[in-house]
Amino acid sequence: MSTLRTDRLVLRPFREGDAEMMYRNRTSDENVAKYCHRHKHQNLDSTVWLLNMYIDEAASVLNIAGQ
């Protein structure tokens, strides 16, 4: 998968190392989580599980697409 860059934004695939930042900035904050249609995560392990699910799903889609 490639990375999309603009002057103000970088979109890239998730990486295993993203879990701590994801937990700090998104999944542990109730006000953010409610807009992501997810419950607030009680611990980092929950975010690691979610992130691994995202990574696995992306890999499956790319495998099906032949990339």
PDB file of N, CA and C in Angstrom:
ATOM      1  N   MET A   1       0.839  -1.184   0.000  1.00  0.00           N
ATOM      2  CA  MET A   1       0.000   0.000   0.000  1.00  0.00           C
ATOM      3  C   MET A   1       0.879   1.241   0.000  1.00  0.00           C
ATOM      4  N   SER A   2       0.424   2.243  -0.677  1.00  0.00           N
ATOM      5  CA  SER A   2       1.215   3.456  -0.768  1.00  0.00           C
ATOM      6  C   SER A   2       0.748   4.489   0.257  1.00  0.00           C
ATOM      7  N   THR A   3       1.508   5.548   0.358  1.00  0.00           N
ATOM      8  CA  THR A   3       1.211   6.650   1.271  1.00  0.00           C
ATOM      9  C   THR A   3       0.783   7.849   0.447  1.00  0.00           C
ATOM     10  N   LEU A   4      -0.272   8.502   0.888  1.00  0.00           N
ATOM     11  CA  LEU A   4      -0.772   9.712   0.238  1.00  0.00           C
ATOM     12  C   LEU A   4      -0.351  10.910   1.083  1.00  0.00           C
ATOM     13  N   ARG A   5       0.327  11.870   0.470  1.00  0.00           N
ATOM     14  CA  ARG A   5       0.808  13.052   1.185  1.00  0.00           C
ATOM     15  C   ARG A   5       0.281  14.329   0.538  1.00  0.00           C
ATOM     16  N   THR A   6      -0.148  15.242   1.386  1.00  0.00           N
ATOM     17  CA  THR A   6      -0.459  16.603   0.955  1.00  0.00           C
ATOM     18  C   THR A   6       0.304  17.538   1.887  1.00  0.00           C
ATOM     19  N   ASP A   7       0.124  18.831   1.708  1.00  0.00           N
ATOM     20  CA  ASP A   7       0.797  19.788   2.588  1.00  0.00           C
ATOM     21  C   ASP A   7       0.363  19.641   4.041  1.00  0.00           C
ATOM     22  N   ARG A   8      -0.879  19.194   4.262  1.00  0.00           N
ATOM     23  CA  ARG A   8      -1.413  19.148   5.619  1.00  0.00           C
ATOM     24  C   ARG A   8      -1.763  17.756   6.125  1.00  0.00           C
ATOM     25  N   LEU A   9      -1.590  16.724   5.303  1.00  0.00           N
ATOM     26  CA  LEU A   9      -2.080  15.412   5.679  1.00  0.00           C
ATOM     27  C   LEU A   9      -1.188  14.307   5.132  1.00  0.00           C
ATOM     28  N   VAL A  10      -1.015  13.268   5.938  1.00  0.00           N
ATOM     29  CA  VAL A  10      -0.326  12.061   5.490  1.00  0.00           C
ATOM     30  C   VAL A  10      -1.239  10.884   5.815  1.00  0.00           C
ATOM     31  N   LEU A  11      -1.647  10.155   4.784  1.00  0.00           N
ATOM     32  CA  LEU A  11      -2.446   8.942   4.960  1.00  0.00           C
ATOM     33  C   LEU A  11      -1.570   7.753   4.597  1.00  0.00           C
ATOM     34  N   ARG A  12      -1.453   6.818   5.539  1.00  0.00           N
ATOM     35  CA  ARG A  12      -0.622   5.646   5.315  1.00  0.00           C
ATOM     36  C   ARG A  12      -1.292   4.449   5.970  1.00  0.00           C
ATOM     37  N   PRO A  13      -0.868   3.259   5.601  1.00  0.00           N
ATOM     38  CA  PRO A  13      -1.431   2.072   6.245  1.00  0.00           C
ATOM     39  C   PRO A  13      -1.087   2.045   7.737  1.00  0.00           C
ATOM     40  N   PHE A  14      -1.947   1.390   8.510  1.00  0.00           N
ATOM     41  CA  PHE A  14      -1.646   1.192   9.926  1.00  0.00           C
ATOM     42  C   PHE A  14      -0.391   0.351  10.075  1.00  0.00           C
ATOM     43  N   ARG A  15       0.323   0.575  11.177  1.00  0.00           N
ATOM     44  CA  ARG A  15       1.492  -0.219  11.543  1.00  0.00           C
ATOM     45  C   ARG A  15       1.301  -0.725  12.962  1.00  0.00           C
ATOM     46  N   GLU A  16       1.937  -1.840  13.283  1.00  0.00           N
ATOM     47  CA  GLU A  16       1.810  -2.399  14.624  1.00  0.00           C
ATOM     48  C   GLU A  16       2.221  -1.403  15.700  1.00  0.00           C
ATOM     49  N   GLY A  17       3.176  -0.558  15.419  1.00  0.00           N
ATOM     50  CA  GLY A  17       3.648   0.421  16.389  1.00  0.00           C
ATOM     51  C   GLY A  17       2.703   1.584  16.632  1.00  0.00           C
ATOM     52  N   ASP A  18       1.577   1.634  15.945  1.00  0.00           N
ATOM     53  CA  ASP A  18       0.626   2.736  16.085  1.00  0.00           C
ATOM     54  C   ASP A  18      -0.294   2.609  17.292  1.00  0.00           C
ATOM     55  N   ALA A  19      -0.286   1.475  17.965  1.00  0.00           N
ATOM     56  CA  ALA A  19      -1.279   1.201  19.009  1.00  0.00           C
ATOM     57  C   ALA A  19      -1.248   2.214  20.152  1.00  0.00           C
ATOM     58  N   GLU A  20      -0.075   2.543  20.646  1.00  0.00           N
ATOM     59  CA  GLU A  20      -0.008   3.452  21.793  1.00  0.00           C
ATOM     60  C   GLU A  20      -0.538   4.835  21.438  1.00  0.00           C
ATOM     61  N   MET A  21      -0.139   5.359  20.272  1.00  0.00           N
ATOM     62  CA  MET A  21      -0.625   6.674  19.857  1.00  0.00           C
ATOM     63  C   MET A  21      -2.136   6.629  19.584  1.00  0.00           C
ATOM     64  N   MET A  22      -2.582   5.549  18.984  1.00  0.00           N
ATOM     65  CA  MET A  22      -4.011   5.377  18.703  1.00  0.00           C
ATOM     66  C   MET A  22      -4.810   5.358  20.010  1.00  0.00           C
ATOM     67  N   TYR A  23      -4.281   4.677  21.017  1.00  0.00           N
ATOM     68  CA  TYR A  23      -4.940   4.615  22.319  1.00  0.00           C
ATOM     69  C   TYR A  23      -4.977   5.998  22.964  1.00  0.00           C
ATOM     70  N   ARG A  24      -3.844   6.680  22.969  1.00  0.00           N
ATOM     71  CA  ARG A  24      -3.758   8.000  23.591  1.00  0.00           C
ATOM     72  C   ARG A  24      -4.658   9.036  22.917  1.00  0.00           C
ATOM     73  N   ASN A  25      -4.713   9.015  21.585  1.00  0.00           N
ATOM     74  CA  ASN A  25      -5.396  10.080  20.838  1.00  0.00           C
ATOM     75  C   ASN A  25      -6.812   9.759  20.400  1.00  0.00           C
ATOM     76  N   ARG A  26      -7.217   8.502  20.483  1.00  0.00           N
ATOM     77  CA  ARG A  26      -8.525   8.166  19.938  1.00  0.00           C
ATOM     78  C   ARG A  26      -9.325   7.198  20.795  1.00  0.00           C
ATOM     79  N   THR A  27      -8.813   6.019  20.999  1.00  0.00           N
ATOM     80  CA  THR A  27      -9.665   4.978  21.578  1.00  0.00           C
ATOM     81  C   THR A  27      -9.885   5.104  23.077  1.00  0.00           C
ATOM     82  N   SER A  28      -9.022   5.827  23.798  1.00  0.00           N
ATOM     83  CA  SER A  28      -9.230   5.986  25.239  1.00  0.00           C
ATOM     84  C   SER A  28     -10.043   7.232  25.574  1.00  0.00           C
ATOM     85  N   ASP A  29     -10.337   8.046  24.595  1.00  0.00           N
ATOM     86  CA  ASP A  29     -11.086   9.289  24.803  1.00  0.00           C
ATOM     87  C   ASP A  29     -12.548   9.056  24.461  1.00  0.00           C
ATOM     88  N   GLU A  30     -13.387   9.128  25.472  1.00  0.00           N
ATOM     89  CA  GLU A  30     -14.818   8.866  25.275  1.00  0.00           C
ATOM     90  C   GLU A  30     -15.441   9.810  24.257  1.00  0.00           C
ATOM     91  N   ASN A  31     -15.015  11.074  24.261  1.00  0.00           N
ATOM     92  CA  ASN A  31     -15.582  12.053  23.328  1.00  0.00           C
ATOM     93  C   ASN A  31     -15.200  11.772  21.882  1.00  0.00           C
ATOM     94  N   VAL A  32     -14.050  11.188  21.651  1.00  0.00           N
ATOM     95  CA  VAL A  32     -13.632  10.810  20.301  1.00  0.00           C
ATOM     96  C   VAL A  32     -14.263   9.481  19.915  1.00  0.00           C
ATOM     97  N   ALA A  33     -14.212   8.505  20.817  1.00  0.00           N
ATOM     98  CA  ALA A  33     -14.708   7.160  20.527  1.00  0.00           C
ATOM     99  C   ALA A  33     -16.173   7.156  20.100  1.00  0.00           C
ATOM    100  N   LYS A  34     -16.973   8.026  20.692  1.00  0.00           N
ATOM    101  CA  LYS A  34     -18.405   8.020  20.350  1.00  0.00           C
ATOM    102  C   LYS A  34     -18.640   8.398  18.890  1.00  0.00           C
ATOM    103  N   TYR A  35     -17.765   9.218  18.308  1.00  0.00           N
ATOM    104  CA  TYR A  35     -17.915   9.591  16.902  1.00  0.00           C
ATOM    105  C   TYR A  35     -17.343   8.520  15.963  1.00  0.00           C
ATOM    106  N   CYS A  36     -16.570   7.602  16.511  1.00  0.00           N
ATOM    107  CA  CYS A  36     -16.015   6.491  15.730  1.00  0.00           C
ATOM    108  C   CYS A  36     -16.882   5.244  15.870  1.00  0.00           C
ATOM    109  N   HIS A  37     -18.025   5.395  16.516  1.00  0.00           N
ATOM    110  CA  HIS A  37     -18.960   4.279  16.727  1.00  0.00           C
ATOM    111  C   HIS A  37     -18.304   3.127  17.468  1.00  0.00           C
ATOM    112  N   ARG A  38     -17.477   3.451  18.440  1.00  0.00           N
ATOM    113  CA  ARG A  38     -16.798   2.451  19.268  1.00  0.00           C
ATOM    114  C   ARG A  38     -16.905   2.892  20.719  1.00  0.00           C
ATOM    115  N   HIS A  39     -16.834   1.933  21.599  1.00  0.00           N
ATOM    116  CA  HIS A  39     -16.760   2.247  23.018  1.00  0.00           C
ATOM    117  C   HIS A  39     -15.337   2.646  23.360  1.00  0.00           C
ATOM    118  N   LYS A  40     -15.212   3.466  24.378  1.00  0.00           N
ATOM    119  CA  LYS A  40     -13.892   3.851  24.868  1.00  0.00           C
ATOM    120  C   LYS A  40     -13.153   2.596  25.321  1.00  0.00           C
ATOM    121  N   HIS A  41     -11.891   2.484  24.953  1.00  0.00           N
ATOM    122  CA  HIS A  41     -11.086   1.339  25.370  1.00  0.00           C
ATOM    123  C   HIS A  41     -10.588   1.550  26.799  1.00  0.00           C
ATOM    124  N   GLN A  42     -10.657   0.512  27.587  1.00  0.00           N
ATOM    125  CA  GLN A  42     -10.231   0.588  28.985  1.00  0.00           C
ATOM    126  C   GLN A  42      -8.723   0.408  29.140  1.00  0.00           C
ATOM    127  N   ASN A  43      -8.071  -0.176  28.131  1.00  0.00           N
ATOM    128  CA  ASN A  43      -6.628  -0.406  28.231  1.00  0.00           C
ATOM    129  C   ASN A  43      -6.019  -0.517  26.834  1.00  0.00           C
ATOM    130  N   LEU A  44      -4.715  -0.470  26.813  1.00  0.00           N
ATOM    131  CA  LEU A  44      -3.973  -0.519  25.545  1.00  0.00           C
ATOM    132  C   LEU A  44      -4.172  -1.847  24.829  1.00  0.00           C
ATOM    133  N   ASP A  45      -4.341  -2.934  25.564  1.00  0.00           N
ATOM    134  CA  ASP A  45      -4.537  -4.246  24.939  1.00  0.00           C
ATOM    135  C   ASP A  45      -5.747  -4.264  24.006  1.00  0.00           C
ATOM    136  N   SER A  46      -6.798  -3.559  24.380  1.00  0.00           N
ATOM    137  CA  SER A  46      -7.993  -3.484  23.525  1.00  0.00           C
ATOM    138  C   SER A  46      -7.672  -2.787  22.211  1.00  0.00           C
ATOM    139  N   THR A  47      -6.867  -1.753  22.286  1.00  0.00           N
ATOM    140  CA  THR A  47      -6.475  -1.027  21.075  1.00  0.00           C
ATOM    141  C   THR A  47      -5.536  -1.861  20.214  1.00  0.00           C
ATOM    142  N   VAL A  48      -4.630  -2.599  20.836  1.00  0.00           N
ATOM    143  CA  VAL A  48      -3.735  -3.486  20.088  1.00  0.00           C
ATOM    144  C   VAL A  48      -4.562  -4.508  19.321  1.00  0.00           C
ATOM    145  N   TRP A  49      -5.571  -5.073  19.975  1.00  0.00           N
ATOM    146  CA  TRP A  49      -6.439  -6.054  19.311  1.00  0.00           C
ATOM    147  C   TRP A  49      -7.137  -5.420  18.105  1.00  0.00           C
ATOM    148  N   LEU A  50      -7.711  -4.223  18.276  1.00  0.00           N
ATOM    149  CA  LEU A  50      -8.408  -3.538  17.187  1.00  0.00           C
ATOM    150  C   LEU A  50      -7.449  -3.220  16.041  1.00  0.00           C
ATOM    151  N   LEU A  51      -6.286  -2.721  16.366  1.00  0.00           N
ATOM    152  CA  LEU A  51      -5.303  -2.385  15.344  1.00  0.00           C
ATOM    153  C   LEU A  51      -4.883  -3.624  14.559  1.00  0.00           C
ATOM    154  N   ASN A  52      -4.652  -4.724  15.250  1.00  0.00           N
ATOM    155  CA  ASN A  52      -4.293  -5.966  14.551  1.00  0.00           C
ATOM    156  C   ASN A  52      -5.418  -6.434  13.639  1.00  0.00           C
ATOM    157  N   MET A  53      -6.658  -6.240  14.060  1.00  0.00           N
ATOM    158  CA  MET A  53      -7.791  -6.588  13.210  1.00  0.00           C
ATOM    159  C   MET A  53      -7.777  -5.730  11.937  1.00  0.00           C
ATOM    160  N   TYR A  54      -7.541  -4.428  12.085  1.00  0.00           N
ATOM    161  CA  TYR A  54      -7.458  -3.539  10.921  1.00  0.00           C
ATOM    162  C   TYR A  54      -6.344  -3.976   9.975  1.00  0.00           C
ATOM    163  N   ILE A  55      -5.175  -4.281  10.528  1.00  0.00           N
ATOM    164  CA  ILE A  55      -4.031  -4.687   9.714  1.00  0.00           C
ATOM    165  C   ILE A  55      -4.338  -5.993   8.987  1.00  0.00           C
ATOM    166  N   ASP A  56      -4.921  -6.955   9.691  1.00  0.00           N
ATOM    167  CA  ASP A  56      -5.264  -8.244   9.076  1.00  0.00           C
ATOM    168  C   ASP A  56      -6.303  -8.083   7.970  1.00  0.00           C
ATOM    169  N   GLU A  57      -7.301  -7.232   8.203  1.00  0.00           N
ATOM    170  CA  GLU A  57      -8.332  -7.008   7.178  1.00  0.00           C
ATOM    171  C   GLU A  57      -7.734  -6.358   5.940  1.00  0.00           C
ATOM    172  N   ALA A  58      -6.845  -5.395   6.126  1.00  0.00           N
ATOM    173  CA  ALA A  58      -6.202  -4.735   4.987  1.00  0.00           C
ATOM    174  C   ALA A  58      -5.372  -5.739   4.198  1.00  0.00           C
ATOM    175  N   ALA A  59      -4.662  -6.614   4.892  1.00  0.00           N
ATOM    176  CA  ALA A  59      -3.851  -7.626   4.227  1.00  0.00           C
ATOM    177  C   ALA A  59      -4.729  -8.584   3.428  1.00  0.00           C
ATOM    178  N   SER A  60      -5.881  -8.940   3.984  1.00  0.00           N
ATOM    179  CA  SER A  60      -6.805  -9.839   3.279  1.00  0.00           C
ATOM    180  C   SER A  60      -7.340  -9.188   2.012  1.00  0.00           C
ATOM    181  N   VAL A  61      -7.706  -7.918   2.111  1.00  0.00           N
ATOM    182  CA  VAL A  61      -8.232  -7.198   0.948  1.00  0.00           C
ATOM    183  C   VAL A  61      -7.163  -7.099  -0.140  1.00  0.00           C
ATOM    184  N   LEU A  62      -5.942  -6.785   0.254  1.00  0.00           N
ATOM    185  CA  LEU A  62      -4.861  -6.683  -0.722  1.00  0.00           C
ATOM    186  C   LEU A  62      -4.552  -8.029  -1.334  1.00  0.00           C
ATOM    187  N   ASN A  63      -4.644  -9.087  -0.561  1.00  0.00           N
ATOM    188  CA  ASN A  63      -4.409 -10.436  -1.078  1.00  0.00           C
ATOM    189  C   ASN A  63      -5.467 -10.800  -2.111  1.00  0.00           C
ATOM    190  N   ILE A  64      -6.724 -10.487  -1.817  1.00  0.00           N
ATOM    191  CA  ILE A  64      -7.811 -10.765  -2.758  1.00  0.00           C
ATOM    192  C   ILE A  64      -7.631  -9.947  -4.032  1.00  0.00           C
ATOM    193  N   ALA A  65      -7.168  -8.709  -3.880  1.00  0.00           N
ATOM    194  CA  ALA A  65      -6.974  -7.829  -5.042  1.00  0.00           C
ATOM    195  C   ALA A  65      -5.707  -8.170  -5.813  1.00  0.00           C
ATOM    196  N   GLY A  66      -4.887  -9.070  -5.269  1.00  0.00           N
ATOM    197  CA  GLY A  66      -3.669  -9.467  -5.949  1.00  0.00           C
ATOM    198  C   GLY A  66      -2.542  -8.477  -5.833  1.00  0.00           C
ATOM    199  N   GLN A  67      -2.545  -7.676  -4.795  1.00  0.00           N
ATOM    200  CA  GLN A  67      -1.483  -6.676  -4.605  1.00  0.00           C
ATOM    201  C   GLN A  67      -0.480  -7.141  -3.579  1.00  0.00           C
TER     202      GLN A  67
END
